Amino acid sequence: MNKMSIEYCTMWGYLDKALSLRETIEKRFGIKAELIKGTGGVFEVTLNNSLIFSKKELGRFPDDNEISDIIDEYEYVT
């Protein structure tokens, strides 16, 4: 079973983005991501304890299908 988490910045109001991403991932893959409150502008997505997206590293939010594409690739590899 896959384990996913989305750490989002509460200071900058990223909760809506985190909820939207969680809903998309749950509908498409059946994975219910854990939401983790953070600070400092973070929007970090992990899958099975591996960081798969980092706003902190990339300086941007994921594109519309970016996380889904990463999960598709991950599922193909594992």
PDB file of N, CA and C in Angstrom:
ATOM      1  N   MET A   1       0.846  -1.194   0.000  1.00  0.00           N
ATOM      2  CA  MET A   1       0.000   0.000   0.000  1.00  0.00           C
ATOM      3  C   MET A   1       0.881   1.242   0.000  1.00  0.00           C
ATOM      4  N   ASN A   2       0.551   2.177  -0.848  1.00  0.00           N
ATOM      5  CA  ASN A   2       1.331   3.406  -0.946  1.00  0.00           C
ATOM      6  C   ASN A   2       0.946   4.387   0.153  1.00  0.00           C
ATOM      7  N   LYS A   3       1.954   5.082   0.643  1.00  0.00           N
ATOM      8  CA  LYS A   3       1.753   6.089   1.680  1.00  0.00           C
ATOM      9  C   LYS A   3       2.210   7.429   1.113  1.00  0.00           C
ATOM     10  N   MET A   4       1.336   8.426   1.216  1.00  0.00           N
ATOM     11  CA  MET A   4       1.646   9.732   0.658  1.00  0.00           C
ATOM     12  C   MET A   4       1.391  10.820   1.685  1.00  0.00           C
ATOM     13  N   SER A   5       2.193  11.881   1.631  1.00  0.00           N
ATOM     14  CA  SER A   5       1.941  13.039   2.470  1.00  0.00           C
ATOM     15  C   SER A   5       2.188  14.309   1.669  1.00  0.00           C
ATOM     16  N   ILE A   6       1.459  15.342   2.065  1.00  0.00           N
ATOM     17  CA  ILE A   6       1.614  16.666   1.470  1.00  0.00           C
ATOM     18  C   ILE A   6       1.830  17.638   2.615  1.00  0.00           C
ATOM     19  N   GLU A   7       3.021  18.204   2.679  1.00  0.00           N
ATOM     20  CA  GLU A   7       3.299  19.229   3.683  1.00  0.00           C
ATOM     21  C   GLU A   7       3.064  20.575   3.026  1.00  0.00           C
ATOM     22  N   TYR A   8       2.247  21.396   3.656  1.00  0.00           N
ATOM     23  CA  TYR A   8       1.851  22.678   3.060  1.00  0.00           C
ATOM     24  C   TYR A   8       2.059  23.802   4.071  1.00  0.00           C
ATOM     25  N   CYS A   9       2.308  24.985   3.572  1.00  0.00           N
ATOM     26  CA  CYS A   9       2.543  26.147   4.420  1.00  0.00           C
ATOM     27  C   CYS A   9       1.211  26.747   4.878  1.00  0.00           C
ATOM     28  N   THR A  10       1.051  26.830   6.189  1.00  0.00           N
ATOM     29  CA  THR A  10      -0.155  27.444   6.740  1.00  0.00           C
ATOM     30  C   THR A  10      -0.069  28.968   6.690  1.00  0.00           C
ATOM     31  N   MET A  11       1.146  29.497   6.826  1.00  0.00           N
ATOM     32  CA  MET A  11       1.344  30.949   6.806  1.00  0.00           C
ATOM     33  C   MET A  11       0.897  31.575   5.486  1.00  0.00           C
ATOM     34  N   TRP A  12       1.184  30.894   4.386  1.00  0.00           N
ATOM     35  CA  TRP A  12       0.882  31.423   3.061  1.00  0.00           C
ATOM     36  C   TRP A  12      -0.432  30.897   2.498  1.00  0.00           C
ATOM     37  N   GLY A  13      -1.156  30.119   3.282  1.00  0.00           N
ATOM     38  CA  GLY A  13      -2.491  29.684   2.876  1.00  0.00           C
ATOM     39  C   GLY A  13      -2.523  28.649   1.764  1.00  0.00           C
ATOM     40  N   TYR A  14      -1.639  27.655   1.829  1.00  0.00           N
ATOM     41  CA  TYR A  14      -1.572  26.624   0.788  1.00  0.00           C
ATOM     42  C   TYR A  14      -2.503  25.436   1.042  1.00  0.00           C
ATOM     43  N   LEU A  15      -3.348  25.527   2.060  1.00  0.00           N
ATOM     44  CA  LEU A  15      -4.245  24.421   2.381  1.00  0.00           C
ATOM     45  C   LEU A  15      -5.134  24.047   1.202  1.00  0.00           C
ATOM     46  N   ASP A  16      -5.722  25.022   0.515  1.00  0.00           N
ATOM     47  CA  ASP A  16      -6.608  24.725  -0.615  1.00  0.00           C
ATOM     48  C   ASP A  16      -5.881  23.943  -1.713  1.00  0.00           C
ATOM     49  N   LYS A  17      -4.635  24.304  -1.990  1.00  0.00           N
ATOM     50  CA  LYS A  17      -3.850  23.580  -2.998  1.00  0.00           C
ATOM     51  C   LYS A  17      -3.599  22.147  -2.532  1.00  0.00           C
ATOM     52  N   ALA A  18      -3.294  21.979  -1.256  1.00  0.00           N
ATOM     53  CA  ALA A  18      -3.037  20.643  -0.708  1.00  0.00           C
ATOM     54  C   ALA A  18      -4.301  19.783  -0.754  1.00  0.00           C
ATOM     55  N   LEU A  19      -5.433  20.369  -0.398  1.00  0.00           N
ATOM     56  CA  LEU A  19      -6.699  19.627  -0.435  1.00  0.00           C
ATOM     57  C   LEU A  19      -7.062  19.225  -1.860  1.00  0.00           C
ATOM     58  N   SER A  20      -6.867  20.124  -2.796  1.00  0.00           N
ATOM     59  CA  SER A  20      -7.176  19.839  -4.196  1.00  0.00           C
ATOM     60  C   SER A  20      -6.291  18.706  -4.726  1.00  0.00           C
ATOM     61  N   LEU A  21      -5.008  18.773  -4.411  1.00  0.00           N
ATOM     62  CA  LEU A  21      -4.092  17.716  -4.856  1.00  0.00           C
ATOM     63  C   LEU A  21      -4.464  16.387  -4.209  1.00  0.00           C
ATOM     64  N   ARG A  22      -4.772  16.405  -2.905  1.00  0.00           N
ATOM     65  CA  ARG A  22      -5.150  15.171  -2.222  1.00  0.00           C
ATOM     66  C   ARG A  22      -6.388  14.552  -2.869  1.00  0.00           C
ATOM     67  N   GLU A  23      -7.378  15.368  -3.202  1.00  0.00           N
ATOM     68  CA  GLU A  23      -8.605  14.874  -3.831  1.00  0.00           C
ATOM     69  C   GLU A  23      -8.309  14.251  -5.197  1.00  0.00           C
ATOM     70  N   THR A  24      -7.491  14.918  -5.990  1.00  0.00           N
ATOM     71  CA  THR A  24      -7.118  14.405  -7.308  1.00  0.00           C
ATOM     72  C   THR A  24      -6.416  13.056  -7.194  1.00  0.00           C
ATOM     73  N   ILE A  25      -5.468  12.949  -6.280  1.00  0.00           N
ATOM     74  CA  ILE A  25      -4.693  11.721  -6.103  1.00  0.00           C
ATOM     75  C   ILE A  25      -5.585  10.593  -5.584  1.00  0.00           C
ATOM     76  N   GLU A  26      -6.484  10.930  -4.663  1.00  0.00           N
ATOM     77  CA  GLU A  26      -7.383   9.896  -4.128  1.00  0.00           C
ATOM     78  C   GLU A  26      -8.318   9.361  -5.214  1.00  0.00           C
ATOM     79  N   LYS A  27      -8.866  10.252  -6.026  1.00  0.00           N
ATOM     80  CA  LYS A  27      -9.775   9.816  -7.096  1.00  0.00           C
ATOM     81  C   LYS A  27      -9.053   8.968  -8.138  1.00  0.00           C
ATOM     82  N   ARG A  28      -7.847   9.369  -8.494  1.00  0.00           N
ATOM     83  CA  ARG A  28      -7.132   8.688  -9.581  1.00  0.00           C
ATOM     84  C   ARG A  28      -6.425   7.411  -9.132  1.00  0.00           C
ATOM     85  N   PHE A  29      -5.837   7.442  -7.927  1.00  0.00           N
ATOM     86  CA  PHE A  29      -5.002   6.321  -7.498  1.00  0.00           C
ATOM     87  C   PHE A  29      -5.512   5.591  -6.257  1.00  0.00           C
ATOM     88  N   GLY A  30      -6.514   6.157  -5.592  1.00  0.00           N
ATOM     89  CA  GLY A  30      -7.016   5.540  -4.369  1.00  0.00           C
ATOM     90  C   GLY A  30      -6.090   5.735  -3.184  1.00  0.00           C
ATOM     91  N   ILE A  31      -5.187   6.702  -3.280  1.00  0.00           N
ATOM     92  CA  ILE A  31      -4.255   7.007  -2.195  1.00  0.00           C
ATOM     93  C   ILE A  31      -4.758   8.247  -1.468  1.00  0.00           C
ATOM     94  N   LYS A  32      -4.957   8.141  -0.161  1.00  0.00           N
ATOM     95  CA  LYS A  32      -5.385   9.301   0.609  1.00  0.00           C
ATOM     96  C   LYS A  32      -4.163   9.876   1.319  1.00  0.00           C
ATOM     97  N   ALA A  33      -3.706  10.993   0.821  1.00  0.00           N
ATOM     98  CA  ALA A  33      -2.507  11.619   1.359  1.00  0.00           C
ATOM     99  C   ALA A  33      -2.773  12.246   2.722  1.00  0.00           C
ATOM    100  N   GLU A  34      -1.792  12.111   3.587  1.00  0.00           N
ATOM    101  CA  GLU A  34      -1.824  12.786   4.881  1.00  0.00           C
ATOM    102  C   GLU A  34      -1.417  14.236   4.665  1.00  0.00           C
ATOM    103  N   LEU A  35      -2.160  15.165   5.236  1.00  0.00           N
ATOM    104  CA  LEU A  35      -1.811  16.579   5.142  1.00  0.00           C
ATOM    105  C   LEU A  35      -1.030  16.968   6.388  1.00  0.00           C
ATOM    106  N   ILE A  36       0.103  17.634   6.180  1.00  0.00           N
ATOM    107  CA  ILE A  36       0.980  18.032   7.278  1.00  0.00           C
ATOM    108  C   ILE A  36       1.159  19.544   7.227  1.00  0.00           C
ATOM    109  N   LYS A  37       0.844  20.195   8.344  1.00  0.00           N
ATOM    110  CA  LYS A  37       1.015  21.642   8.423  1.00  0.00           C
ATOM    111  C   LYS A  37       2.499  21.977   8.499  1.00  0.00           C
ATOM    112  N   GLY A  38       2.893  22.983   7.727  1.00  0.00           N
ATOM    113  CA  GLY A  38       4.278  23.435   7.727  1.00  0.00           C
ATOM    114  C   GLY A  38       4.333  24.955   7.656  1.00  0.00           C
ATOM    115  N   THR A  39       5.538  25.477   7.568  1.00  0.00           N
ATOM    116  CA  THR A  39       5.750  26.918   7.463  1.00  0.00           C
ATOM    117  C   THR A  39       6.859  27.179   6.450  1.00  0.00           C
ATOM    118  N   GLY A  40       7.106  28.434   6.194  1.00  0.00           N
ATOM    119  CA  GLY A  40       8.222  28.806   5.338  1.00  0.00           C
ATOM    120  C   GLY A  40       7.976  28.623   3.850  1.00  0.00           C
ATOM    121  N   GLY A  41       6.718  28.588   3.437  1.00  0.00           N
ATOM    122  CA  GLY A  41       6.401  28.487   2.013  1.00  0.00           C
ATOM    123  C   GLY A  41       6.538  27.086   1.433  1.00  0.00           C
ATOM    124  N   VAL A  42       6.531  26.067   2.296  1.00  0.00           N
ATOM    125  CA  VAL A  42       6.729  24.704   1.799  1.00  0.00           C
ATOM    126  C   VAL A  42       5.484  24.145   1.115  1.00  0.00           C
ATOM    127  N   PHE A  43       5.731  23.294   0.144  1.00  0.00           N
ATOM    128  CA  PHE A  43       4.713  22.455  -0.480  1.00  0.00           C
ATOM    129  C   PHE A  43       5.476  21.225  -0.944  1.00  0.00           C
ATOM    130  N   GLU A  44       5.591  20.250  -0.048  1.00  0.00           N
ATOM    131  CA  GLU A  44       6.436  19.082  -0.246  1.00  0.00           C
ATOM    132  C   GLU A  44       5.559  17.836  -0.342  1.00  0.00           C
ATOM    133  N   VAL A  45       5.761  17.048  -1.368  1.00  0.00           N
ATOM    134  CA  VAL A  45       4.960  15.847  -1.579  1.00  0.00           C
ATOM    135  C   VAL A  45       5.879  14.631  -1.474  1.00  0.00           C
ATOM    136  N   THR A  46       5.508  13.701  -0.607  1.00  0.00           N
ATOM    137  CA  THR A  46       6.287  12.472  -0.471  1.00  0.00           C
ATOM    138  C   THR A  46       5.414  11.268  -0.808  1.00  0.00           C
ATOM    139  N   LEU A  47       6.041  10.257  -1.372  1.00  0.00           N
ATOM    140  CA  LEU A  47       5.391   8.994  -1.681  1.00  0.00           C
ATOM    141  C   LEU A  47       6.285   7.886  -1.144  1.00  0.00           C
ATOM    142  N   ASN A  48       5.727   7.090  -0.235  1.00  0.00           N
ATOM    143  CA  ASN A  48       6.485   6.010   0.402  1.00  0.00           C
ATOM    144  C   ASN A  48       7.820   6.513   0.956  1.00  0.00           C
ATOM    145  N   ASN A  49       7.740   7.638   1.668  1.00  0.00           N
ATOM    146  CA  ASN A  49       8.885   8.268   2.345  1.00  0.00           C
ATOM    147  C   ASN A  49       9.946   8.820   1.394  1.00  0.00           C
ATOM    148  N   SER A  50       9.637   8.939   0.104  1.00  0.00           N
ATOM    149  CA  SER A  50      10.550   9.554  -0.861  1.00  0.00           C
ATOM    150  C   SER A  50       9.951  10.878  -1.326  1.00  0.00           C
ATOM    151  N   LEU A  51      10.747  11.923  -1.275  1.00  0.00           N
ATOM    152  CA  LEU A  51      10.296  13.236  -1.736  1.00  0.00           C
ATOM    153  C   LEU A  51      10.151  13.187  -3.254  1.00  0.00           C
ATOM    154  N   ILE A  52       8.934  13.433  -3.748  1.00  0.00           N
ATOM    155  CA  ILE A  52       8.705  13.388  -5.196  1.00  0.00           C
ATOM    156  C   ILE A  52       8.467  14.771  -5.789  1.00  0.00           C
ATOM    157  N   PHE A  53       8.162  15.759  -4.931  1.00  0.00           N
ATOM    158  CA  PHE A  53       8.031  17.137  -5.397  1.00  0.00           C
ATOM    159  C   PHE A  53       8.351  18.074  -4.248  1.00  0.00           C
ATOM    160  N   SER A  54       9.123  19.122  -4.553  1.00  0.00           N
ATOM    161  CA  SER A  54       9.481  20.113  -3.541  1.00  0.00           C
ATOM    162  C   SER A  54       9.389  21.514  -4.122  1.00  0.00           C
ATOM    163  N   LYS A  55       8.415  22.273  -3.657  1.00  0.00           N
ATOM    164  CA  LYS A  55       8.312  23.675  -4.050  1.00  0.00           C
ATOM    165  C   LYS A  55       9.537  24.428  -3.558  1.00  0.00           C
ATOM    166  N   LYS A  56      10.041  24.028  -2.410  1.00  0.00           N
ATOM    167  CA  LYS A  56      11.220  24.683  -1.833  1.00  0.00           C
ATOM    168  C   LYS A  56      12.434  24.542  -2.764  1.00  0.00           C
ATOM    169  N   GLU A  57      12.588  23.360  -3.363  1.00  0.00           N
ATOM    170  CA  GLU A  57      13.715  23.130  -4.272  1.00  0.00           C
ATOM    171  C   GLU A  57      13.490  23.753  -5.643  1.00  0.00           C
ATOM    172  N   LEU A  58      12.256  23.647  -6.160  1.00  0.00           N
ATOM    173  CA  LEU A  58      11.973  24.083  -7.527  1.00  0.00           C
ATOM    174  C   LEU A  58      11.489  25.533  -7.631  1.00  0.00           C
ATOM    175  N   GLY A  59      11.009  26.092  -6.516  1.00  0.00           N
ATOM    176  CA  GLY A  59      10.540  27.470  -6.527  1.00  0.00           C
ATOM    177  C   GLY A  59       9.194  27.666  -7.198  1.00  0.00           C
ATOM    178  N   ARG A  60       8.414  26.578  -7.281  1.00  0.00           N
ATOM    179  CA  ARG A  60       7.094  26.664  -7.935  1.00  0.00           C
ATOM    180  C   ARG A  60       6.201  25.539  -7.430  1.00  0.00           C
ATOM    181  N   PHE A  61       4.913  25.698  -7.700  1.00  0.00           N
ATOM    182  CA  PHE A  61       3.960  24.628  -7.419  1.00  0.00           C
ATOM    183  C   PHE A  61       3.980  23.633  -8.569  1.00  0.00           C
ATOM    184  N   PRO A  62       3.509  22.408  -8.324  1.00  0.00           N
ATOM    185  CA  PRO A  62       3.459  21.436  -9.424  1.00  0.00           C
ATOM    186  C   PRO A  62       2.436  21.851 -10.475  1.00  0.00           C
ATOM    187  N   ASP A  63       2.729  21.524 -11.737  1.00  0.00           N
ATOM    188  CA  ASP A  63       1.765  21.722 -12.819  1.00  0.00           C
ATOM    189  C   ASP A  63       0.574  20.801 -12.584  1.00  0.00           C
ATOM    190  N   ASP A  64      -0.499  21.018 -13.348  1.00  0.00           N
ATOM    191  CA  ASP A  64      -1.759  20.303 -13.138  1.00  0.00           C
ATOM    192  C   ASP A  64      -1.607  18.789 -13.014  1.00  0.00           C
ATOM    193  N   ASN A  65      -0.905  18.159 -13.920  1.00  0.00           N
ATOM    194  CA  ASN A  65      -0.807  16.692 -13.900  1.00  0.00           C
ATOM    195  C   ASN A  65       0.562  16.183 -13.454  1.00  0.00           C
ATOM    196  N   GLU A  66       1.398  17.066 -12.994  1.00  0.00           N
ATOM    197  CA  GLU A  66       2.778  16.691 -12.679  1.00  0.00           C
ATOM    198  C   GLU A  66       2.879  15.594 -11.614  1.00  0.00           C
ATOM    199  N   ILE A  67       2.148  15.731 -10.537  1.00  0.00           N
ATOM    200  CA  ILE A  67       2.210  14.739  -9.461  1.00  0.00           C
ATOM    201  C   ILE A  67       1.631  13.406  -9.943  1.00  0.00           C
ATOM    202  N   SER A  68       0.535  13.452 -10.676  1.00  0.00           N
ATOM    203  CA  SER A  68      -0.047  12.224 -11.225  1.00  0.00           C
ATOM    204  C   SER A  68       0.940  11.522 -12.146  1.00  0.00           C
ATOM    205  N   ASP A  69       1.641  12.284 -12.988  1.00  0.00           N
ATOM    206  CA  ASP A  69       2.639  11.695 -13.885  1.00  0.00           C
ATOM    207  C   ASP A  69       3.778  11.054 -13.093  1.00  0.00           C
ATOM    208  N   ILE A  70       4.213  11.704 -12.039  1.00  0.00           N
ATOM    209  CA  ILE A  70       5.281  11.147 -11.201  1.00  0.00           C
ATOM    210  C   ILE A  70       4.816   9.847 -10.559  1.00  0.00           C
ATOM    211  N   ILE A  71       3.576   9.817 -10.065  1.00  0.00           N
ATOM    212  CA  ILE A  71       3.047   8.595  -9.441  1.00  0.00           C
ATOM    213  C   ILE A  71       2.936   7.487 -10.480  1.00  0.00           C
ATOM    214  N   ASP A  72       2.471   7.830 -11.694  1.00  0.00           N
ATOM    215  CA  ASP A  72       2.403   6.836 -12.772  1.00  0.00           C
ATOM    216  C   ASP A  72       3.771   6.226 -13.030  1.00  0.00           C
ATOM    217  N   GLU A  73       4.795   7.059 -13.108  1.00  0.00           N
ATOM    218  CA  GLU A  73       6.155   6.570 -13.338  1.00  0.00           C
ATOM    219  C   GLU A  73       6.623   5.729 -12.169  1.00  0.00           C
ATOM    220  N   TYR A  74       6.322   6.154 -10.957  1.00  0.00           N
ATOM    221  CA  TYR A  74       6.711   5.421  -9.751  1.00  0.00           C
ATOM    222  C   TYR A  74       6.058   4.039  -9.735  1.00  0.00           C
ATOM    223  N   GLU A  75       4.768   4.010 -10.041  1.00  0.00           N
ATOM    224  CA  GLU A  75       4.037   2.733 -10.044  1.00  0.00           C
ATOM    225  C   GLU A  75       4.619   1.796 -11.104  1.00  0.00           C
ATOM    226  N   TYR A  76       5.027   2.363 -12.227  1.00  0.00           N
ATOM    227  CA  TYR A  76       5.589   1.555 -13.301  1.00  0.00           C
ATOM    228  C   TYR A  76       6.927   0.940 -12.876  1.00  0.00           C
ATOM    229  N   VAL A  77       7.712   1.721 -12.141  1.00  0.00           N
ATOM    230  CA  VAL A  77       9.051   1.278 -11.718  1.00  0.00           C
ATOM    231  C   VAL A  77       8.975   0.263 -10.593  1.00  0.00           C
ATOM    232  N   THR A  78       8.053   0.427  -9.637  1.00  0.00           N
ATOM    233  CA  THR A  78       8.019  -0.457  -8.480  1.00  0.00           C
ATOM    234  C   THR A  78       7.299  -1.748  -8.758  1.00  0.00           C
TER     235      THR A  78
END
